[in-house]
């Protein structure tokens, strides 16, 4: 079960992670990390990932693109990403999904 983006609304994220770990059904937290730039979110994601392990993985979403994947992979333990517009034609929510773009981001996220 994934705890969806309500995570952004929580005041004490580390306490919330501890509570979520008490529920064995929850194995993912989907979060954008808030409204800052990806670079500004690095420390936050690193702390959350460390607190969540090993029971829960962070699934980063909300505008995730190649830049976000590169920044977060190099500076945190986050390895799971939810993408939307970044893999669509014209980077539009209504755009057709481009298989090649999906492959590129998937390769980027798994590359060491």
PDB file of N, CA and C in Angstrom:
ATOM      1  N   UNK A   1       0.847  -1.169   0.000  1.00  0.00           N
ATOM      2  CA  UNK A   1       0.000   0.000   0.000  1.00  0.00           C
ATOM      3  C   UNK A   1       0.895   1.235   0.000  1.00  0.00           C
ATOM      4  N   UNK A   2       0.501   2.223  -0.764  1.00  0.00           N
ATOM      5  CA  UNK A   2       1.243   3.482  -0.845  1.00  0.00           C
ATOM      6  C   UNK A   2       0.488   4.574  -0.101  1.00  0.00           C
ATOM      7  N   UNK A   3       1.183   5.247   0.817  1.00  0.00           N
ATOM      8  CA  UNK A   3       0.618   6.427   1.464  1.00  0.00           C
ATOM      9  C   UNK A   3       0.797   7.561   0.474  1.00  0.00           C
ATOM     10  N   UNK A   4      -0.321   8.066  -0.028  1.00  0.00           N
ATOM     11  CA  UNK A   4      -0.294   9.008  -1.137  1.00  0.00           C
ATOM     12  C   UNK A   4       0.096  10.403  -0.681  1.00  0.00           C
ATOM     13  N   UNK A   5       0.064  11.349  -1.537  1.00  0.00           N
ATOM     14  CA  UNK A   5       0.654  12.669  -1.381  1.00  0.00           C
ATOM     15  C   UNK A   5       0.136  13.499  -0.211  1.00  0.00           C
ATOM     16  N   UNK A   6      -0.686  12.961   0.642  1.00  0.00           N
ATOM     17  CA  UNK A   6      -1.102  13.677   1.849  1.00  0.00           C
ATOM     18  C   UNK A   6       0.111  13.951   2.731  1.00  0.00           C
ATOM     19  N   UNK A   7       1.198  13.272   2.465  1.00  0.00           N
ATOM     20  CA  UNK A   7       2.414  13.415   3.257  1.00  0.00           C
ATOM     21  C   UNK A   7       2.902  14.865   3.290  1.00  0.00           C
ATOM     22  N   UNK A   8       2.672  15.610   2.218  1.00  0.00           N
ATOM     23  CA  UNK A   8       3.093  17.016   2.169  1.00  0.00           C
ATOM     24  C   UNK A   8       2.377  17.884   3.205  1.00  0.00           C
ATOM     25  N   UNK A   9       1.220  17.427   3.675  1.00  0.00           N
ATOM     26  CA  UNK A   9       0.409  18.210   4.610  1.00  0.00           C
ATOM     27  C   UNK A   9       0.756  17.943   6.076  1.00  0.00           C
ATOM     28  N   UNK A  10       1.637  17.027   6.337  1.00  0.00           N
ATOM     29  CA  UNK A  10       1.979  16.625   7.701  1.00  0.00           C
ATOM     30  C   UNK A  10       3.009  17.578   8.296  1.00  0.00           C
ATOM     31  N   UNK A  11       2.779  18.019   9.542  1.00  0.00           N
ATOM     32  CA  UNK A  11       3.706  18.941  10.204  1.00  0.00           C
ATOM     33  C   UNK A  11       4.997  18.271  10.646  1.00  0.00           C
ATOM     34  N   UNK A  12       4.903  17.084  11.219  1.00  0.00           N
ATOM     35  CA  UNK A  12       6.075  16.381  11.743  1.00  0.00           C
ATOM     36  C   UNK A  12       6.290  15.120  10.908  1.00  0.00           C
ATOM     37  N   UNK A  13       7.031  15.257   9.815  1.00  0.00           N
ATOM     38  CA  UNK A  13       7.187  14.160   8.865  1.00  0.00           C
ATOM     39  C   UNK A  13       7.912  12.955   9.451  1.00  0.00           C
ATOM     40  N   UNK A  14       8.918  13.179  10.293  1.00  0.00           N
ATOM     41  CA  UNK A  14       9.641  12.040  10.865  1.00  0.00           C
ATOM     42  C   UNK A  14       8.756  11.247  11.826  1.00  0.00           C
ATOM     43  N   UNK A  15       7.935  11.946  12.574  1.00  0.00           N
ATOM     44  CA  UNK A  15       6.980  11.257  13.463  1.00  0.00           C
ATOM     45  C   UNK A  15       5.966  10.482  12.637  1.00  0.00           C
ATOM     46  N   UNK A  16       5.517  11.083  11.533  1.00  0.00           N
ATOM     47  CA  UNK A  16       4.559  10.411  10.657  1.00  0.00           C
ATOM     48  C   UNK A  16       5.165   9.150  10.049  1.00  0.00           C
ATOM     49  N   UNK A  17       6.415   9.218   9.655  1.00  0.00           N
ATOM     50  CA  UNK A  17       7.081   8.028   9.110  1.00  0.00           C
ATOM     51  C   UNK A  17       7.117   6.926  10.154  1.00  0.00           C
ATOM     52  N   UNK A  18       7.458   7.276  11.380  1.00  0.00           N
ATOM     53  CA  UNK A  18       7.481   6.276  12.462  1.00  0.00           C
ATOM     54  C   UNK A  18       6.107   5.638  12.628  1.00  0.00           C
ATOM     55  N   UNK A  19       5.054   6.432  12.562  1.00  0.00           N
ATOM     56  CA  UNK A  19       3.693   5.895  12.673  1.00  0.00           C
ATOM     57  C   UNK A  19       3.352   5.002  11.487  1.00  0.00           C
ATOM     58  N   UNK A  20       3.699   5.431  10.283  1.00  0.00           N
ATOM     59  CA  UNK A  20       3.412   4.629   9.097  1.00  0.00           C
ATOM     60  C   UNK A  20       4.138   3.284   9.137  1.00  0.00           C
ATOM     61  N   UNK A  21       5.310   3.249   9.732  1.00  0.00           N
ATOM     62  CA  UNK A  21       6.073   2.000   9.835  1.00  0.00           C
ATOM     63  C   UNK A  21       5.381   0.986  10.729  1.00  0.00           C
ATOM     64  N   UNK A  22       4.461   1.427  11.557  1.00  0.00           N
ATOM     65  CA  UNK A  22       3.691   0.527  12.432  1.00  0.00           C
ATOM     66  C   UNK A  22       2.614  -0.231  11.656  1.00  0.00           C
ATOM     67  N   UNK A  23       2.378   0.154  10.427  1.00  0.00           N
ATOM     68  CA  UNK A  23       1.342  -0.472   9.603  1.00  0.00           C
ATOM     69  C   UNK A  23       2.024  -1.240   8.473  1.00  0.00           C
ATOM     70  N   UNK A  24       2.127  -2.537   8.645  1.00  0.00           N
ATOM     71  CA  UNK A  24       2.906  -3.362   7.722  1.00  0.00           C
ATOM     72  C   UNK A  24       2.392  -3.307   6.281  1.00  0.00           C
ATOM     73  N   UNK A  25       1.146  -2.920   6.083  1.00  0.00           N
ATOM     74  CA  UNK A  25       0.611  -2.836   4.729  1.00  0.00           C
ATOM     75  C   UNK A  25       1.261  -1.701   3.938  1.00  0.00           C
ATOM     76  N   UNK A  26       1.750  -0.679   4.616  1.00  0.00           N
ATOM     77  CA  UNK A  26       2.314   0.483   3.935  1.00  0.00           C
ATOM     78  C   UNK A  26       3.790   0.232   3.631  1.00  0.00           C
ATOM     79  N   UNK A  27       4.116   0.202   2.349  1.00  0.00           N
ATOM     80  CA  UNK A  27       5.509  -0.028   1.967  1.00  0.00           C
ATOM     81  C   UNK A  27       6.078   1.087   1.098  1.00  0.00           C
ATOM     82  N   UNK A  28       5.251   2.111   0.814  1.00  0.00           N
ATOM     83  CA  UNK A  28       5.700   3.251   0.015  1.00  0.00           C
ATOM     84  C   UNK A  28       5.061   4.528   0.543  1.00  0.00           C
ATOM     85  N   UNK A  29       5.801   5.630   0.406  1.00  0.00           N
ATOM     86  CA  UNK A  29       5.259   6.964   0.626  1.00  0.00           C
ATOM     87  C   UNK A  29       5.487   7.731  -0.664  1.00  0.00           C
ATOM     88  N   UNK A  30       4.393   8.143  -1.310  1.00  0.00           N
ATOM     89  CA  UNK A  30       4.490   8.960  -2.512  1.00  0.00           C
ATOM     90  C   UNK A  30       4.494  10.421  -2.085  1.00  0.00           C
ATOM     91  N   UNK A  31       5.554  11.135  -2.441  1.00  0.00           N
ATOM     92  CA  UNK A  31       5.680  12.525  -2.029  1.00  0.00           C
ATOM     93  C   UNK A  31       6.475  13.334  -3.046  1.00  0.00           C
ATOM     94  N   UNK A  32       6.119  14.597  -3.147  1.00  0.00           N
ATOM     95  CA  UNK A  32       6.906  15.519  -3.975  1.00  0.00           C
ATOM     96  C   UNK A  32       7.949  16.231  -3.132  1.00  0.00           C
ATOM     97  N   UNK A  33       7.814  16.125  -1.828  1.00  0.00           N
ATOM     98  CA  UNK A  33       8.754  16.786  -0.928  1.00  0.00           C
ATOM     99  C   UNK A  33       8.424  18.248  -0.670  1.00  0.00           C
ATOM    100  N   UNK A  34       7.319  18.731  -1.211  1.00  0.00           N
ATOM    101  CA  UNK A  34       6.945  20.122  -1.003  1.00  0.00           C
ATOM    102  C   UNK A  34       7.260  20.978  -2.218  1.00  0.00           C
ATOM    103  N   UNK A  35       7.181  22.290  -2.054  1.00  0.00           N
ATOM    104  CA  UNK A  35       7.268  23.199  -3.175  1.00  0.00           C
ATOM    105  C   UNK A  35       8.631  23.746  -3.524  1.00  0.00           C
ATOM    106  N   UNK A  36       9.681  23.313  -2.867  1.00  0.00           N
ATOM    107  CA  UNK A  36      11.023  23.824  -3.139  1.00  0.00           C
ATOM    108  C   UNK A  36      11.596  23.234  -4.427  1.00  0.00           C
ATOM    109  N   UNK A  37      12.793  23.685  -4.806  1.00  0.00           N
ATOM    110  CA  UNK A  37      13.488  23.087  -5.944  1.00  0.00           C
ATOM    111  C   UNK A  37      14.001  21.709  -5.537  1.00  0.00           C
ATOM    112  N   UNK A  38      14.317  20.888  -6.513  1.00  0.00           N
ATOM    113  CA  UNK A  38      14.824  19.543  -6.218  1.00  0.00           C
ATOM    114  C   UNK A  38      16.098  19.625  -5.385  1.00  0.00           C
ATOM    115  N   UNK A  39      16.961  20.553  -5.700  1.00  0.00           N
ATOM    116  CA  UNK A  39      18.203  20.704  -4.946  1.00  0.00           C
ATOM    117  C   UNK A  39      17.911  21.033  -3.481  1.00  0.00           C
ATOM    118  N   UNK A  40      16.896  21.864  -3.243  1.00  0.00           N
ATOM    119  CA  UNK A  40      16.538  22.241  -1.879  1.00  0.00           C
ATOM    120  C   UNK A  40      15.904  21.090  -1.102  1.00  0.00           C
ATOM    121  N   UNK A  41      15.386  20.102  -1.803  1.00  0.00           N
ATOM    122  CA  UNK A  41      14.717  18.978  -1.161  1.00  0.00           C
ATOM    123  C   UNK A  41      15.670  17.850  -0.763  1.00  0.00           C
ATOM    124  N   UNK A  42      16.906  17.907  -1.202  1.00  0.00           N
ATOM    125  CA  UNK A  42      17.847  16.804  -1.020  1.00  0.00           C
ATOM    126  C   UNK A  42      17.958  16.378   0.448  1.00  0.00           C
ATOM    127  N   UNK A  43      18.223  17.306   1.339  1.00  0.00           N
ATOM    128  CA  UNK A  43      18.377  16.955   2.756  1.00  0.00           C
ATOM    129  C   UNK A  43      17.103  16.342   3.317  1.00  0.00           C
ATOM    130  N   UNK A  44      15.969  16.901   2.936  1.00  0.00           N
ATOM    131  CA  UNK A  44      14.673  16.399   3.401  1.00  0.00           C
ATOM    132  C   UNK A  44      14.465  14.950   2.952  1.00  0.00           C
ATOM    133  N   UNK A  45      14.684  14.696   1.663  1.00  0.00           N
ATOM    134  CA  UNK A  45      14.502  13.341   1.150  1.00  0.00           C
ATOM    135  C   UNK A  45      15.497  12.360   1.774  1.00  0.00           C
ATOM    136  N   UNK A  46      16.715  12.782   1.964  1.00  0.00           N
ATOM    137  CA  UNK A  46      17.720  11.903   2.585  1.00  0.00           C
ATOM    138  C   UNK A  46      17.294  11.528   4.004  1.00  0.00           C
ATOM    139  N   UNK A  47      16.826  12.497   4.769  1.00  0.00           N
ATOM    140  CA  UNK A  47      16.385  12.237   6.150  1.00  0.00           C
ATOM    141  C   UNK A  47      15.160  11.326   6.154  1.00  0.00           C
ATOM    142  N   UNK A  48      14.215  11.600   5.274  1.00  0.00           N
ATOM    143  CA  UNK A  48      13.011  10.768   5.217  1.00  0.00           C
ATOM    144  C   UNK A  48      13.349   9.344   4.795  1.00  0.00           C
ATOM    145  N   UNK A  49      14.217   9.198   3.816  1.00  0.00           N
ATOM    146  CA  UNK A  49      14.593   7.862   3.335  1.00  0.00           C
ATOM    147  C   UNK A  49      15.272   7.074   4.451  1.00  0.00           C
ATOM    148  N   UNK A  50      16.160   7.728   5.165  1.00  0.00           N
ATOM    149  CA  UNK A  50      16.855   7.056   6.263  1.00  0.00           C
ATOM    150  C   UNK A  50      15.871   6.642   7.351  1.00  0.00           C
ATOM    151  N   UNK A  51      14.930   7.510   7.681  1.00  0.00           N
ATOM    152  CA  UNK A  51      13.943   7.198   8.725  1.00  0.00           C
ATOM    153  C   UNK A  51      12.991   6.083   8.288  1.00  0.00           C
ATOM    154  N   UNK A  52      12.687   6.018   7.016  1.00  0.00           N
ATOM    155  CA  UNK A  52      11.705   5.060   6.514  1.00  0.00           C
ATOM    156  C   UNK A  52      12.259   3.643   6.356  1.00  0.00           C
ATOM    157  N   UNK A  53      13.536   3.527   6.117  1.00  0.00           N
ATOM    158  CA  UNK A  53      14.157   2.228   5.861  1.00  0.00           C
ATOM    159  C   UNK A  53      14.148   1.347   7.099  1.00  0.00           C
ATOM    160  N   UNK A  54      14.055   0.048   6.979  1.00  0.00           N
ATOM    161  CA  UNK A  54      13.907  -0.718   5.744  1.00  0.00           C
ATOM    162  C   UNK A  54      12.450  -1.005   5.370  1.00  0.00           C
ATOM    163  N   UNK A  55      11.515  -0.633   6.221  1.00  0.00           N
ATOM    164  CA  UNK A  55      10.118  -1.009   5.991  1.00  0.00           C
ATOM    165  C   UNK A  55       9.458  -0.264   4.829  1.00  0.00           C
ATOM    166  N   UNK A  56       9.848   0.979   4.626  1.00  0.00           N
ATOM    167  CA  UNK A  56       9.160   1.823   3.659  1.00  0.00           C
ATOM    168  C   UNK A  56      10.164   2.463   2.699  1.00  0.00           C
ATOM    169  N   UNK A  57       9.766   2.527   1.429  1.00  0.00           N
ATOM    170  CA  UNK A  57      10.541   3.232   0.408  1.00  0.00           C
ATOM    171  C   UNK A  57       9.847   4.539   0.075  1.00  0.00           C
ATOM    172  N   UNK A  58      10.618   5.559  -0.234  1.00  0.00           N
ATOM    173  CA  UNK A  58      10.043   6.786  -0.753  1.00  0.00           C
ATOM    174  C   UNK A  58       9.852   6.639  -2.249  1.00  0.00           C
ATOM    175  N   UNK A  59       8.722   7.107  -2.720  1.00  0.00           N
ATOM    176  CA  UNK A  59       8.410   7.143  -4.139  1.00  0.00           C
ATOM    177  C   UNK A  59       8.225   8.621  -4.471  1.00  0.00           C
ATOM    178  N   UNK A  60       9.200   9.190  -5.156  1.00  0.00           N
ATOM    179  CA  UNK A  60       9.194  10.628  -5.409  1.00  0.00           C
ATOM    180  C   UNK A  60       8.384  10.926  -6.666  1.00  0.00           C
ATOM    181  N   UNK A  61       7.422  11.835  -6.532  1.00  0.00           N
ATOM    182  CA  UNK A  61       6.573  12.240  -7.643  1.00  0.00           C
ATOM    183  C   UNK A  61       6.320  13.733  -7.591  1.00  0.00           C
ATOM    184  N   UNK A  62       5.453  14.182  -8.454  1.00  0.00           N
ATOM    185  CA  UNK A  62       5.103  15.601  -8.456  1.00  0.00           C
ATOM    186  C   UNK A  62       6.085  16.440  -9.247  1.00  0.00           C
ATOM    187  N   UNK A  63       6.083  16.275 -10.552  1.00  0.00           N
ATOM    188  CA  UNK A  63       7.005  17.035 -11.397  1.00  0.00           C
ATOM    189  C   UNK A  63       8.350  16.374 -11.583  1.00  0.00           C
ATOM    190  N   UNK A  64       8.434  15.106 -11.262  1.00  0.00           N
ATOM    191  CA  UNK A  64       9.699  14.386 -11.392  1.00  0.00           C
ATOM    192  C   UNK A  64      10.098  14.282 -12.864  1.00  0.00           C
ATOM    193  N   UNK A  65      11.348  14.660 -13.130  1.00  0.00           N
ATOM    194  CA  UNK A  65      11.889  14.605 -14.486  1.00  0.00           C
ATOM    195  C   UNK A  65      13.337  14.127 -14.395  1.00  0.00           C
ATOM    196  N   UNK A  66      14.064  14.183 -15.500  1.00  0.00           N
ATOM    197  CA  UNK A  66      15.455  13.703 -15.524  1.00  0.00           C
ATOM    198  C   UNK A  66      16.326  14.464 -14.538  1.00  0.00           C
ATOM    199  N   UNK A  67      16.125  15.764 -14.421  1.00  0.00           N
ATOM    200  CA  UNK A  67      16.921  16.568 -13.478  1.00  0.00           C
ATOM    201  C   UNK A  67      16.684  16.093 -12.052  1.00  0.00           C
ATOM    202  N   UNK A  68      15.423  15.906 -11.682  1.00  0.00           N
ATOM    203  CA  UNK A  68      15.099  15.447 -10.329  1.00  0.00           C
ATOM    204  C   UNK A  68      15.720  14.087 -10.048  1.00  0.00           C
ATOM    205  N   UNK A  69      15.624  13.182 -11.003  1.00  0.00           N
ATOM    206  CA  UNK A  69      16.188  11.845 -10.819  1.00  0.00           C
ATOM    207  C   UNK A  69      17.695  11.929 -10.608  1.00  0.00           C
ATOM    208  N   UNK A  70      18.373  12.704 -11.434  1.00  0.00           N
ATOM    209  CA  UNK A  70      19.835  12.852 -11.301  1.00  0.00           C
ATOM    210  C   UNK A  70      20.208  13.448  -9.946  1.00  0.00           C
ATOM    211  N   UNK A  71      19.542  14.524  -9.550  1.00  0.00           N
ATOM    212  CA  UNK A  71      19.853  15.196  -8.283  1.00  0.00           C
ATOM    213  C   UNK A  71      19.618  14.254  -7.114  1.00  0.00           C
ATOM    214  N   UNK A  72      18.471  13.608  -7.076  1.00  0.00           N
ATOM    215  CA  UNK A  72      18.129  12.763  -5.929  1.00  0.00           C
ATOM    216  C   UNK A  72      18.937  11.473  -5.881  1.00  0.00           C
ATOM    217  N   UNK A  73      19.223  10.892  -7.041  1.00  0.00           N
ATOM    218  CA  UNK A  73      20.042   9.676  -7.047  1.00  0.00           C
ATOM    219  C   UNK A  73      21.447   9.944  -6.525  1.00  0.00           C
ATOM    220  N   UNK A  74      22.012  11.087  -6.886  1.00  0.00           N
ATOM    221  CA  UNK A  74      23.394  11.359  -6.503  1.00  0.00           C
ATOM    222  C   UNK A  74      23.535  11.771  -5.042  1.00  0.00           C
ATOM    223  N   UNK A  75      22.450  12.235  -4.420  1.00  0.00           N
ATOM    224  CA  UNK A  75      22.580  12.801  -3.076  1.00  0.00           C
ATOM    225  C   UNK A  75      21.750  12.107  -1.993  1.00  0.00           C
ATOM    226  N   UNK A  76      20.897  11.159  -2.371  1.00  0.00           N
ATOM    227  CA  UNK A  76      20.038  10.496  -1.379  1.00  0.00           C
ATOM    228  C   UNK A  76      19.987   9.002  -1.670  1.00  0.00           C
ATOM    229  N   UNK A  77      19.277   8.283  -0.845  1.00  0.00           N
ATOM    230  CA  UNK A  77      19.060   6.856  -1.079  1.00  0.00           C
ATOM    231  C   UNK A  77      17.811   6.572  -1.894  1.00  0.00           C
ATOM    232  N   UNK A  78      17.142   7.597  -2.378  1.00  0.00           N
ATOM    233  CA  UNK A  78      15.906   7.423  -3.137  1.00  0.00           C
ATOM    234  C   UNK A  78      16.212   6.817  -4.493  1.00  0.00           C
ATOM    235  N   UNK A  79      15.468   5.760  -4.842  1.00  0.00           N
ATOM    236  CA  UNK A  79      15.673   5.087  -6.121  1.00  0.00           C
ATOM    237  C   UNK A  79      14.374   4.810  -6.854  1.00  0.00           C
ATOM    238  N   UNK A  80      13.244   5.288  -6.320  1.00  0.00           N
ATOM    239  CA  UNK A  80      11.955   5.052  -6.957  1.00  0.00           C
ATOM    240  C   UNK A  80      11.307   6.393  -7.292  1.00  0.00           C
ATOM    241  N   UNK A  81      10.824   6.492  -8.535  1.00  0.00           N
ATOM    242  CA  UNK A  81      10.305   7.758  -9.033  1.00  0.00           C
ATOM    243  C   UNK A  81       8.994   7.545  -9.781  1.00  0.00           C
ATOM    244  N   UNK A  82       8.055   8.445  -9.557  1.00  0.00           N
ATOM    245  CA  UNK A  82       6.756   8.445 -10.237  1.00  0.00           C
ATOM    246  C   UNK A  82       6.777   9.615 -11.216  1.00  0.00           C
ATOM    247  N   UNK A  83       6.607   9.320 -12.497  1.00  0.00           N
ATOM    248  CA  UNK A  83       6.657  10.383 -13.502  1.00  0.00           C
ATOM    249  C   UNK A  83       5.315  10.492 -14.211  1.00  0.00           C
ATOM    250  N   UNK A  84       5.046  11.672 -14.703  1.00  0.00           N
ATOM    251  CA  UNK A  84       3.810  11.931 -15.437  1.00  0.00           C
ATOM    252  C   UNK A  84       4.102  12.715 -16.692  1.00  0.00           C
ATOM    253  N   UNK A  85       4.049  14.041 -16.578  1.00  0.00           N
ATOM    254  CA  UNK A  85       4.247  14.901 -17.753  1.00  0.00           C
ATOM    255  C   UNK A  85       5.613  14.709 -18.397  1.00  0.00           C
ATOM    256  N   UNK A  86       6.611  14.325 -17.635  1.00  0.00           N
ATOM    257  CA  UNK A  86       7.967  14.177 -18.175  1.00  0.00           C
ATOM    258  C   UNK A  86       8.057  13.107 -19.257  1.00  0.00           C
ATOM    259  N   UNK A  87       7.091  12.191 -19.309  1.00  0.00           N
ATOM    260  CA  UNK A  87       7.119  11.138 -20.328  1.00  0.00           C
ATOM    261  C   UNK A  87       5.999  11.301 -21.362  1.00  0.00           C
ATOM    262  N   UNK A  88       5.374  12.463 -21.356  1.00  0.00           N
ATOM    263  CA  UNK A  88       4.268  12.705 -22.273  1.00  0.00           C
ATOM    264  C   UNK A  88       4.655  13.689 -23.373  1.00  0.00           C
ATOM    265  N   UNK A  89       4.054  13.517 -24.517  1.00  0.00           N
ATOM    266  CA  UNK A  89       4.283  14.399 -25.646  1.00  0.00           C
ATOM    267  C   UNK A  89       3.988  15.840 -25.235  1.00  0.00           C
ATOM    268  N   UNK A  90       4.946  16.722 -25.505  1.00  0.00           N
ATOM    269  CA  UNK A  90       4.806  18.125 -25.147  1.00  0.00           C
ATOM    270  C   UNK A  90       4.825  18.383 -23.651  1.00  0.00           C
ATOM    271  N   UNK A  91       5.211  17.379 -22.884  1.00  0.00           N
ATOM    272  CA  UNK A  91       5.203  17.452 -21.416  1.00  0.00           C
ATOM    273  C   UNK A  91       3.885  18.018 -20.903  1.00  0.00           C
ATOM    274  N   UNK A  92       2.813  17.562 -21.545  1.00  0.00           N
ATOM    275  CA  UNK A  92       1.456  17.977 -21.208  1.00  0.00           C
ATOM    276  C   UNK A  92       0.724  16.811 -20.569  1.00  0.00           C
ATOM    277  N   UNK A  93      -0.087  17.085 -19.581  1.00  0.00           N
ATOM    278  CA  UNK A  93      -0.853  16.041 -18.905  1.00  0.00           C
ATOM    279  C   UNK A  93      -1.758  15.298 -19.888  1.00  0.00           C
ATOM    280  N   UNK A  94      -2.122  15.972 -20.975  1.00  0.00           N
ATOM    281  CA  UNK A  94      -2.977  15.359 -21.988  1.00  0.00           C
ATOM    282  C   UNK A  94      -2.184  14.689 -23.110  1.00  0.00           C
ATOM    283  N   UNK A  95      -0.865  14.858 -23.098  1.00  0.00           N
ATOM    284  CA  UNK A  95      -0.043  14.322 -24.172  1.00  0.00           C
ATOM    285  C   UNK A  95       0.047  12.808 -24.145  1.00  0.00           C
ATOM    286  N   UNK A  96       0.291  12.249 -25.314  1.00  0.00           N
ATOM    287  CA  UNK A  96       0.455  10.808 -25.423  1.00  0.00           C
ATOM    288  C   UNK A  96       1.750  10.378 -24.728  1.00  0.00           C
ATOM    289  N   UNK A  97       1.712   9.242 -24.066  1.00  0.00           N
ATOM    290  CA  UNK A  97       2.899   8.719 -23.393  1.00  0.00           C
ATOM    291  C   UNK A  97       3.899   8.252 -24.446  1.00  0.00           C
ATOM    292  N   UNK A  98       5.147   8.693 -24.290  1.00  0.00           N
ATOM    293  CA  UNK A  98       6.215   8.359 -25.221  1.00  0.00           C
ATOM    294  C   UNK A  98       7.069   7.237 -24.633  1.00  0.00           C
ATOM    295  N   UNK A  99       6.973   6.059 -25.231  1.00  0.00           N
ATOM    296  CA  UNK A  99       7.663   4.875 -24.716  1.00  0.00           C
ATOM    297  C   UNK A  99       9.166   5.104 -24.600  1.00  0.00           C
ATOM    298  N   UNK A 100       9.753   5.776 -25.571  1.00  0.00           N
ATOM    299  CA  UNK A 100      11.194   6.033 -25.531  1.00  0.00           C
ATOM    300  C   UNK A 100      11.568   6.885 -24.319  1.00  0.00           C
ATOM    301  N   UNK A 101      10.756   7.858 -24.009  1.00  0.00           N
ATOM    302  CA  UNK A 101      11.017   8.723 -22.848  1.00  0.00           C
ATOM    303  C   UNK A 101      10.879   7.925 -21.546  1.00  0.00           C
ATOM    304  N   UNK A 102       9.929   7.020 -21.498  1.00  0.00           N
ATOM    305  CA  UNK A 102       9.774   6.150 -20.325  1.00  0.00           C
ATOM    306  C   UNK A 102      11.045   5.318 -20.150  1.00  0.00           C
ATOM    307  N   UNK A 103      11.532   4.733 -21.263  1.00  0.00           N
ATOM    308  CA  UNK A 103      12.761   3.930 -21.195  1.00  0.00           C
ATOM    309  C   UNK A 103      13.950   4.761 -20.733  1.00  0.00           C
ATOM    310  N   UNK A 104      14.076   5.981 -21.259  1.00  0.00           N
ATOM    311  CA  UNK A 104      15.197   6.853 -20.869  1.00  0.00           C
ATOM    312  C   UNK A 104      15.194   7.139 -19.369  1.00  0.00           C
ATOM    313  N   UNK A 105      14.040   7.487 -18.818  1.00  0.00           N
ATOM    314  CA  UNK A 105      13.970   7.794 -17.393  1.00  0.00           C
ATOM    315  C   UNK A 105      14.131   6.532 -16.544  1.00  0.00           C
ATOM    316  N   UNK A 106      13.603   5.415 -17.018  1.00  0.00           N
ATOM    317  CA  UNK A 106      13.788   4.156 -16.297  1.00  0.00           C
ATOM    318  C   UNK A 106      15.263   3.781 -16.261  1.00  0.00           C
ATOM    319  N   UNK A 107      15.950   3.925 -17.389  1.00  0.00           N
ATOM    320  CA  UNK A 107      17.384   3.636 -17.440  1.00  0.00           C
ATOM    321  C   UNK A 107      18.152   4.583 -16.520  1.00  0.00           C
ATOM    322  N   UNK A 108      17.781   5.841 -16.535  1.00  0.00           N
ATOM    323  CA  UNK A 108      18.437   6.845 -15.695  1.00  0.00           C
ATOM    324  C   UNK A 108      18.266   6.504 -14.214  1.00  0.00           C
ATOM    325  N   UNK A 109      17.090   6.060 -13.843  1.00  0.00           N
ATOM    326  CA  UNK A 109      16.826   5.774 -12.430  1.00  0.00           C
ATOM    327  C   UNK A 109      17.541   4.527 -11.931  1.00  0.00           C
ATOM    328  N   UNK A 110      17.884   3.609 -12.841  1.00  0.00           N
ATOM    329  CA  UNK A 110      18.563   2.382 -12.421  1.00  0.00           C
ATOM    330  C   UNK A 110      20.069   2.419 -12.644  1.00  0.00           C
ATOM    331  N   UNK A 111      20.539   3.403 -13.404  1.00  0.00           N
ATOM    332  CA  UNK A 111      21.969   3.516 -13.700  1.00  0.00           C
ATOM    333  C   UNK A 111      22.736   3.846 -12.421  1.00  0.00           C
ATOM    334  N   UNK A 112      23.832   3.159 -12.210  1.00  0.00           N
ATOM    335  CA  UNK A 112      24.638   3.382 -10.998  1.00  0.00           C
ATOM    336  C   UNK A 112      25.549   4.553 -11.172  1.00  0.00           C
TER     337      UNK A 112
END
